[in-house]
């Protein structure tokens, strides 16, 4: 079993847990509140997809040049991804509080965000350690 398999297993387990927690949160909302939630985040979904696309494109373009060390590029990219995830999560939480959604919903949503963020951190650290060790063996 490769070292990378363990972080991937943790990532998948925590991602499933985050989905279950998110579903539990959504059960706390009425149909009207769910509609309000979808409407409130319609523009945000488009912006986040564009932002992530720009990050991926920048990574791919920079990886084709020798302007930046590949390890530094990887640290910048994964750091950017984590910042993106945390930023969107914090923004989403405070926006949902402004919508005055039930406290029980916000609690379960926050648990979901924490599980999802820990999952990404574990996966990213696992990938970085795996590729760093693979690079040394060459």
N, C-alpha and C. Protein backbone atom coordinates (compact mmCIF):
# COMPACT_ATOMS: atom_id res chain seq x y z
N UNK A 1 0.85 -1.18 0.00
CA UNK A 1 0.00 0.00 0.00
C UNK A 1 0.90 1.24 0.00
N UNK A 2 0.64 2.13 -0.95
CA UNK A 2 1.46 3.32 -1.04
C UNK A 2 1.06 4.32 0.03
N UNK A 3 1.99 5.22 0.34
CA UNK A 3 1.75 6.24 1.35
C UNK A 3 0.57 7.12 0.97
N UNK A 4 0.39 7.36 -0.30
CA UNK A 4 -0.67 8.26 -0.76
C UNK A 4 -2.07 7.68 -0.52
N UNK A 5 -2.17 6.36 -0.44
CA UNK A 5 -3.48 5.73 -0.26
C UNK A 5 -4.14 6.13 1.06
N UNK A 6 -3.37 6.24 2.12
CA UNK A 6 -3.93 6.58 3.43
C UNK A 6 -4.57 7.98 3.44
N UNK A 7 -3.88 9.03 2.95
CA UNK A 7 -4.55 10.34 2.89
C UNK A 7 -5.79 10.33 1.99
N UNK A 8 -5.74 9.57 0.91
CA UNK A 8 -6.90 9.51 0.01
C UNK A 8 -8.08 8.85 0.73
N UNK A 9 -7.82 7.81 1.50
CA UNK A 9 -8.90 7.15 2.25
C UNK A 9 -9.50 8.11 3.28
N UNK A 10 -8.63 8.83 4.02
CA UNK A 10 -9.13 9.82 4.97
C UNK A 10 -9.92 10.91 4.26
N UNK A 11 -9.41 11.37 3.12
CA UNK A 11 -10.10 12.40 2.34
C UNK A 11 -11.50 11.93 1.94
N UNK A 12 -11.59 10.73 1.41
CA UNK A 12 -12.89 10.21 0.98
C UNK A 12 -13.84 10.04 2.15
N UNK A 13 -13.34 9.50 3.26
CA UNK A 13 -14.18 9.31 4.44
C UNK A 13 -14.69 10.63 4.99
N UNK A 14 -13.82 11.63 5.11
CA UNK A 14 -14.24 12.93 5.62
C UNK A 14 -15.14 13.67 4.64
N UNK A 15 -14.93 13.47 3.35
CA UNK A 15 -15.79 14.09 2.35
C UNK A 15 -17.20 13.51 2.44
N UNK A 16 -17.30 12.21 2.60
CA UNK A 16 -18.62 11.58 2.78
C UNK A 16 -19.27 12.08 4.06
N UNK A 17 -18.49 12.15 5.14
CA UNK A 17 -19.01 12.68 6.40
C UNK A 17 -19.51 14.11 6.23
N UNK A 18 -18.75 14.94 5.52
CA UNK A 18 -19.16 16.33 5.28
C UNK A 18 -20.48 16.38 4.51
N UNK A 19 -20.63 15.50 3.54
CA UNK A 19 -21.88 15.46 2.77
C UNK A 19 -23.07 15.06 3.65
N UNK A 20 -22.85 14.06 4.50
CA UNK A 20 -23.91 13.62 5.42
C UNK A 20 -24.29 14.75 6.37
N UNK A 21 -23.29 15.44 6.91
CA UNK A 21 -23.55 16.57 7.81
C UNK A 21 -24.28 17.70 7.10
N UNK A 22 -23.90 17.94 5.85
CA UNK A 22 -24.57 18.98 5.07
C UNK A 22 -26.04 18.62 4.82
N UNK A 23 -26.29 17.37 4.53
CA UNK A 23 -27.68 16.91 4.33
C UNK A 23 -28.48 17.05 5.63
N UNK A 24 -27.84 16.74 6.76
CA UNK A 24 -28.50 16.89 8.05
C UNK A 24 -28.84 18.37 8.29
N UNK A 25 -27.93 19.24 7.88
CA UNK A 25 -28.18 20.68 8.02
C UNK A 25 -29.37 21.10 7.16
N UNK A 26 -29.40 20.63 5.92
CA UNK A 26 -30.48 21.02 5.01
C UNK A 26 -31.85 20.54 5.50
N UNK A 27 -31.88 19.44 6.24
CA UNK A 27 -33.16 18.96 6.78
C UNK A 27 -33.74 19.91 7.82
N UNK A 28 -32.91 20.82 8.32
CA UNK A 28 -33.37 21.79 9.32
C UNK A 28 -34.12 22.96 8.67
N UNK A 29 -34.08 23.05 7.33
CA UNK A 29 -34.66 24.18 6.62
C UNK A 29 -36.01 23.84 6.01
N UNK A 30 -36.86 24.84 5.95
CA UNK A 30 -38.14 24.70 5.24
C UNK A 30 -37.86 24.84 3.74
N UNK A 31 -38.85 24.50 2.93
CA UNK A 31 -38.71 24.64 1.47
C UNK A 31 -38.43 26.10 1.10
N UNK A 32 -39.07 27.02 1.80
CA UNK A 32 -38.87 28.44 1.52
C UNK A 32 -37.44 28.86 1.85
N UNK A 33 -36.91 28.38 2.95
CA UNK A 33 -35.54 28.71 3.34
C UNK A 33 -34.53 28.11 2.37
N UNK A 34 -34.81 26.91 1.88
CA UNK A 34 -33.93 26.29 0.88
C UNK A 34 -33.91 27.11 -0.41
N UNK A 35 -35.07 27.59 -0.82
CA UNK A 35 -35.16 28.44 -2.00
C UNK A 35 -34.39 29.74 -1.81
N UNK A 36 -34.50 30.31 -0.63
CA UNK A 36 -33.77 31.54 -0.30
C UNK A 36 -32.27 31.29 -0.36
N UNK A 37 -31.84 30.16 0.13
CA UNK A 37 -30.43 29.79 0.12
C UNK A 37 -29.90 29.68 -1.32
N UNK A 38 -30.64 29.01 -2.17
CA UNK A 38 -30.24 28.85 -3.57
C UNK A 38 -30.17 30.21 -4.26
N UNK A 39 -31.18 31.03 -4.03
CA UNK A 39 -31.22 32.35 -4.65
C UNK A 39 -30.08 33.24 -4.15
N UNK A 40 -29.78 33.19 -2.86
CA UNK A 40 -28.76 34.05 -2.28
C UNK A 40 -27.36 33.75 -2.80
N UNK A 41 -27.13 32.51 -3.22
CA UNK A 41 -25.79 32.12 -3.66
C UNK A 41 -25.67 31.92 -5.17
N UNK A 42 -26.66 32.36 -5.95
CA UNK A 42 -26.62 32.11 -7.40
C UNK A 42 -25.43 32.81 -8.06
N UNK A 43 -25.16 34.06 -7.74
CA UNK A 43 -24.02 34.77 -8.33
C UNK A 43 -22.71 34.25 -7.76
N UNK A 44 -22.71 33.88 -6.51
CA UNK A 44 -21.50 33.40 -5.86
C UNK A 44 -21.00 32.12 -6.53
N UNK A 45 -21.91 31.24 -6.91
CA UNK A 45 -21.50 29.99 -7.56
C UNK A 45 -20.75 30.26 -8.85
N UNK A 46 -21.21 31.22 -9.63
CA UNK A 46 -20.54 31.55 -10.89
C UNK A 46 -19.16 32.14 -10.61
N UNK A 47 -19.08 33.05 -9.66
CA UNK A 47 -17.82 33.70 -9.33
C UNK A 47 -16.80 32.68 -8.83
N UNK A 48 -17.23 31.74 -8.00
CA UNK A 48 -16.28 30.76 -7.45
C UNK A 48 -15.76 29.82 -8.53
N UNK A 49 -16.60 29.46 -9.49
CA UNK A 49 -16.14 28.60 -10.59
C UNK A 49 -15.11 29.36 -11.44
N UNK A 50 -15.36 30.61 -11.70
CA UNK A 50 -14.41 31.43 -12.48
C UNK A 50 -13.09 31.56 -11.71
N UNK A 51 -13.16 31.84 -10.41
CA UNK A 51 -11.95 31.99 -9.60
C UNK A 51 -11.13 30.70 -9.60
N UNK A 52 -11.78 29.58 -9.43
CA UNK A 52 -11.07 28.30 -9.42
C UNK A 52 -10.47 28.01 -10.80
N UNK A 53 -11.20 28.33 -11.85
CA UNK A 53 -10.69 28.14 -13.22
C UNK A 53 -9.45 28.98 -13.46
N UNK A 54 -9.45 30.22 -12.98
CA UNK A 54 -8.29 31.09 -13.13
C UNK A 54 -7.09 30.52 -12.37
N UNK A 55 -7.34 30.00 -11.17
CA UNK A 55 -6.24 29.40 -10.40
C UNK A 55 -5.64 28.20 -11.14
N UNK A 56 -6.49 27.36 -11.69
CA UNK A 56 -6.00 26.17 -12.41
C UNK A 56 -5.25 26.59 -13.67
N UNK A 57 -5.79 27.54 -14.40
CA UNK A 57 -5.14 28.02 -15.62
C UNK A 57 -3.79 28.65 -15.29
N UNK A 58 -3.72 29.47 -14.24
CA UNK A 58 -2.45 30.08 -13.84
C UNK A 58 -1.43 29.00 -13.47
N UNK A 59 -1.88 27.98 -12.74
CA UNK A 59 -0.98 26.88 -12.38
C UNK A 59 -0.44 26.20 -13.63
N UNK A 60 -1.33 25.89 -14.57
CA UNK A 60 -0.90 25.20 -15.80
C UNK A 60 0.05 26.06 -16.63
N UNK A 61 -0.25 27.35 -16.75
CA UNK A 61 0.62 28.24 -17.51
C UNK A 61 1.99 28.39 -16.84
N UNK A 62 1.99 28.60 -15.53
CA UNK A 62 3.26 28.75 -14.82
C UNK A 62 4.07 27.47 -14.81
N UNK A 63 3.40 26.32 -14.83
CA UNK A 63 4.12 25.05 -14.83
C UNK A 63 4.85 24.82 -16.16
N UNK A 64 4.47 25.54 -17.20
CA UNK A 64 5.11 25.40 -18.51
C UNK A 64 6.30 26.33 -18.68
N UNK A 65 6.54 27.18 -17.70
CA UNK A 65 7.66 28.11 -17.78
C UNK A 65 8.69 27.74 -16.72
N UNK A 66 9.85 28.31 -16.87
CA UNK A 66 10.88 28.09 -15.85
C UNK A 66 10.98 29.30 -14.92
N UNK A 67 9.96 30.13 -14.94
CA UNK A 67 9.96 31.36 -14.14
C UNK A 67 9.86 31.07 -12.65
N UNK A 68 9.34 29.91 -12.31
CA UNK A 68 9.15 29.59 -10.88
C UNK A 68 9.48 28.13 -10.64
N UNK A 69 10.12 27.86 -9.53
CA UNK A 69 10.49 26.51 -9.14
C UNK A 69 9.23 25.67 -9.01
N UNK A 70 9.29 24.41 -9.45
CA UNK A 70 8.09 23.56 -9.44
C UNK A 70 7.57 23.30 -8.02
N UNK A 71 8.48 23.19 -7.05
CA UNK A 71 8.02 22.99 -5.67
C UNK A 71 7.36 24.24 -5.14
N UNK A 72 7.91 25.41 -5.45
CA UNK A 72 7.31 26.66 -5.01
C UNK A 72 5.94 26.82 -5.66
N UNK A 73 5.84 26.45 -6.93
CA UNK A 73 4.56 26.52 -7.63
C UNK A 73 3.52 25.62 -6.96
N UNK A 74 3.94 24.41 -6.59
CA UNK A 74 3.02 23.49 -5.94
C UNK A 74 2.57 24.04 -4.58
N UNK A 75 3.50 24.59 -3.81
CA UNK A 75 3.13 25.18 -2.51
C UNK A 75 2.17 26.34 -2.71
N UNK A 76 2.45 27.18 -3.69
CA UNK A 76 1.56 28.32 -3.97
C UNK A 76 0.17 27.85 -4.41
N UNK A 77 0.14 26.84 -5.28
CA UNK A 77 -1.14 26.35 -5.78
C UNK A 77 -1.97 25.72 -4.67
N UNK A 78 -1.37 24.80 -3.92
CA UNK A 78 -2.12 24.15 -2.85
C UNK A 78 -2.49 25.13 -1.74
N UNK A 79 -1.60 26.08 -1.46
CA UNK A 79 -1.93 27.13 -0.50
C UNK A 79 -3.10 27.96 -0.99
N UNK A 80 -3.09 28.26 -2.30
CA UNK A 80 -4.20 29.01 -2.90
C UNK A 80 -5.51 28.24 -2.83
N UNK A 81 -5.44 26.94 -3.07
CA UNK A 81 -6.65 26.10 -3.01
C UNK A 81 -7.21 26.09 -1.58
N UNK A 82 -6.32 25.94 -0.59
CA UNK A 82 -6.79 25.96 0.80
C UNK A 82 -7.38 27.32 1.17
N UNK A 83 -6.72 28.38 0.74
CA UNK A 83 -7.23 29.73 1.00
C UNK A 83 -8.60 29.92 0.34
N UNK A 84 -8.75 29.40 -0.86
CA UNK A 84 -10.00 29.46 -1.61
C UNK A 84 -11.11 28.74 -0.83
N UNK A 85 -10.81 27.54 -0.36
CA UNK A 85 -11.81 26.73 0.37
C UNK A 85 -12.21 27.42 1.67
N UNK A 86 -11.22 27.87 2.42
CA UNK A 86 -11.52 28.54 3.69
C UNK A 86 -12.27 29.84 3.44
N UNK A 87 -11.83 30.61 2.44
CA UNK A 87 -12.49 31.88 2.13
C UNK A 87 -13.94 31.71 1.74
N UNK A 88 -14.21 30.75 0.88
CA UNK A 88 -15.59 30.49 0.45
C UNK A 88 -16.43 30.00 1.63
N UNK A 89 -15.84 29.17 2.46
CA UNK A 89 -16.58 28.64 3.61
C UNK A 89 -16.93 29.74 4.61
N UNK A 90 -15.98 30.60 4.90
CA UNK A 90 -16.23 31.70 5.84
C UNK A 90 -17.27 32.65 5.26
N UNK A 91 -17.09 33.01 3.98
CA UNK A 91 -18.06 33.88 3.32
C UNK A 91 -19.45 33.26 3.36
N UNK A 92 -19.54 31.97 3.03
CA UNK A 92 -20.84 31.28 3.02
C UNK A 92 -21.48 31.25 4.39
N UNK A 93 -20.68 31.00 5.40
CA UNK A 93 -21.22 30.94 6.76
C UNK A 93 -21.82 32.29 7.17
N UNK A 94 -21.06 33.37 6.95
CA UNK A 94 -21.55 34.68 7.37
C UNK A 94 -22.73 35.15 6.52
N UNK A 95 -22.72 34.78 5.25
CA UNK A 95 -23.86 35.14 4.40
C UNK A 95 -25.12 34.40 4.87
N UNK A 96 -24.96 33.14 5.26
CA UNK A 96 -26.10 32.37 5.75
C UNK A 96 -26.60 32.90 7.09
N UNK A 97 -25.69 33.40 7.89
CA UNK A 97 -26.12 34.04 9.15
C UNK A 97 -26.94 35.30 8.86
N UNK A 98 -26.53 36.06 7.84
CA UNK A 98 -27.28 37.26 7.45
C UNK A 98 -28.69 36.90 6.98
N UNK A 99 -28.82 35.73 6.39
CA UNK A 99 -30.14 35.28 5.92
C UNK A 99 -31.03 34.84 7.08
N UNK A 100 -30.47 34.85 8.28
CA UNK A 100 -31.16 34.47 9.50
C UNK A 100 -31.73 33.05 9.42
N UNK A 101 -30.88 32.14 8.95
CA UNK A 101 -31.27 30.74 8.92
C UNK A 101 -31.18 30.18 10.34
N UNK A 102 -31.90 29.09 10.62
CA UNK A 102 -31.93 28.54 11.97
C UNK A 102 -30.53 28.18 12.50
N UNK A 103 -30.36 28.35 13.80
CA UNK A 103 -29.08 28.07 14.45
C UNK A 103 -28.69 26.60 14.29
N UNK A 104 -29.67 25.70 14.30
CA UNK A 104 -29.35 24.27 14.14
C UNK A 104 -28.79 24.00 12.74
N UNK A 105 -29.35 24.67 11.75
CA UNK A 105 -28.82 24.53 10.38
C UNK A 105 -27.38 25.01 10.34
N UNK A 106 -27.12 26.20 10.89
CA UNK A 106 -25.78 26.78 10.85
C UNK A 106 -24.76 25.89 11.58
N UNK A 107 -25.20 25.27 12.67
CA UNK A 107 -24.31 24.38 13.43
C UNK A 107 -23.89 23.19 12.57
N UNK A 108 -24.85 22.52 11.95
CA UNK A 108 -24.53 21.35 11.13
C UNK A 108 -23.76 21.74 9.87
N UNK A 109 -24.08 22.89 9.33
CA UNK A 109 -23.34 23.39 8.16
C UNK A 109 -21.87 23.63 8.55
N UNK A 110 -21.66 24.23 9.71
CA UNK A 110 -20.30 24.50 10.17
C UNK A 110 -19.52 23.20 10.39
N UNK A 111 -20.15 22.19 10.95
CA UNK A 111 -19.51 20.88 11.11
C UNK A 111 -19.11 20.32 9.74
N UNK A 112 -19.98 20.48 8.76
CA UNK A 112 -19.71 20.01 7.41
C UNK A 112 -18.49 20.73 6.82
N UNK A 113 -18.44 22.03 7.01
CA UNK A 113 -17.32 22.82 6.49
C UNK A 113 -16.00 22.38 7.14
N UNK A 114 -16.04 22.16 8.44
CA UNK A 114 -14.83 21.74 9.16
C UNK A 114 -14.36 20.38 8.64
N UNK A 115 -15.27 19.43 8.47
CA UNK A 115 -14.90 18.10 7.96
C UNK A 115 -14.32 18.20 6.55
N UNK A 116 -14.94 19.01 5.70
CA UNK A 116 -14.48 19.18 4.31
C UNK A 116 -13.09 19.84 4.28
N UNK A 117 -12.87 20.82 5.13
CA UNK A 117 -11.58 21.52 5.16
C UNK A 117 -10.48 20.59 5.67
N UNK A 118 -10.76 19.84 6.71
CA UNK A 118 -9.77 18.88 7.22
C UNK A 118 -9.46 17.83 6.15
N UNK A 119 -10.48 17.39 5.42
CA UNK A 119 -10.27 16.42 4.34
C UNK A 119 -9.31 16.97 3.29
N UNK A 120 -9.50 18.22 2.90
CA UNK A 120 -8.62 18.82 1.89
C UNK A 120 -7.20 18.99 2.42
N UNK A 121 -7.07 19.40 3.67
CA UNK A 121 -5.74 19.57 4.26
C UNK A 121 -4.99 18.24 4.28
N UNK A 122 -5.68 17.18 4.70
CA UNK A 122 -5.05 15.85 4.74
C UNK A 122 -4.63 15.41 3.35
N UNK A 123 -5.50 15.60 2.37
CA UNK A 123 -5.18 15.19 1.00
C UNK A 123 -4.00 15.98 0.45
N UNK A 124 -4.03 17.29 0.64
CA UNK A 124 -2.96 18.13 0.10
C UNK A 124 -1.63 17.80 0.77
N UNK A 125 -1.62 17.70 2.10
CA UNK A 125 -0.37 17.35 2.78
C UNK A 125 0.13 15.97 2.36
N UNK A 126 -0.78 15.02 2.23
CA UNK A 126 -0.40 13.69 1.78
C UNK A 126 0.20 13.71 0.39
N UNK A 127 -0.41 14.47 -0.51
CA UNK A 127 0.12 14.57 -1.88
C UNK A 127 1.49 15.24 -1.89
N UNK A 128 1.63 16.30 -1.11
CA UNK A 128 2.91 17.00 -1.08
C UNK A 128 4.02 16.11 -0.53
N UNK A 129 3.73 15.38 0.55
CA UNK A 129 4.73 14.48 1.11
C UNK A 129 5.05 13.34 0.15
N UNK A 130 4.03 12.82 -0.50
CA UNK A 130 4.22 11.72 -1.45
C UNK A 130 5.12 12.16 -2.60
N UNK A 131 4.81 13.31 -3.20
CA UNK A 131 5.60 13.77 -4.34
C UNK A 131 6.99 14.23 -3.92
N UNK A 132 7.11 14.75 -2.72
CA UNK A 132 8.41 15.16 -2.22
C UNK A 132 9.30 13.93 -2.03
N UNK A 133 8.74 12.86 -1.47
CA UNK A 133 9.49 11.61 -1.29
C UNK A 133 9.79 10.95 -2.64
N UNK A 134 8.85 11.01 -3.57
CA UNK A 134 9.06 10.43 -4.89
C UNK A 134 10.16 11.18 -5.63
N UNK A 135 10.22 12.49 -5.42
CA UNK A 135 11.23 13.33 -6.07
C UNK A 135 12.63 12.98 -5.55
N UNK A 136 12.73 12.64 -4.27
CA UNK A 136 14.02 12.30 -3.67
C UNK A 136 14.52 10.95 -4.14
N UNK A 137 13.62 10.05 -4.50
CA UNK A 137 14.03 8.70 -4.90
C UNK A 137 14.49 8.64 -6.34
N UNK A 138 14.32 9.74 -7.06
CA UNK A 138 14.73 9.75 -8.49
C UNK A 138 16.19 10.08 -8.60
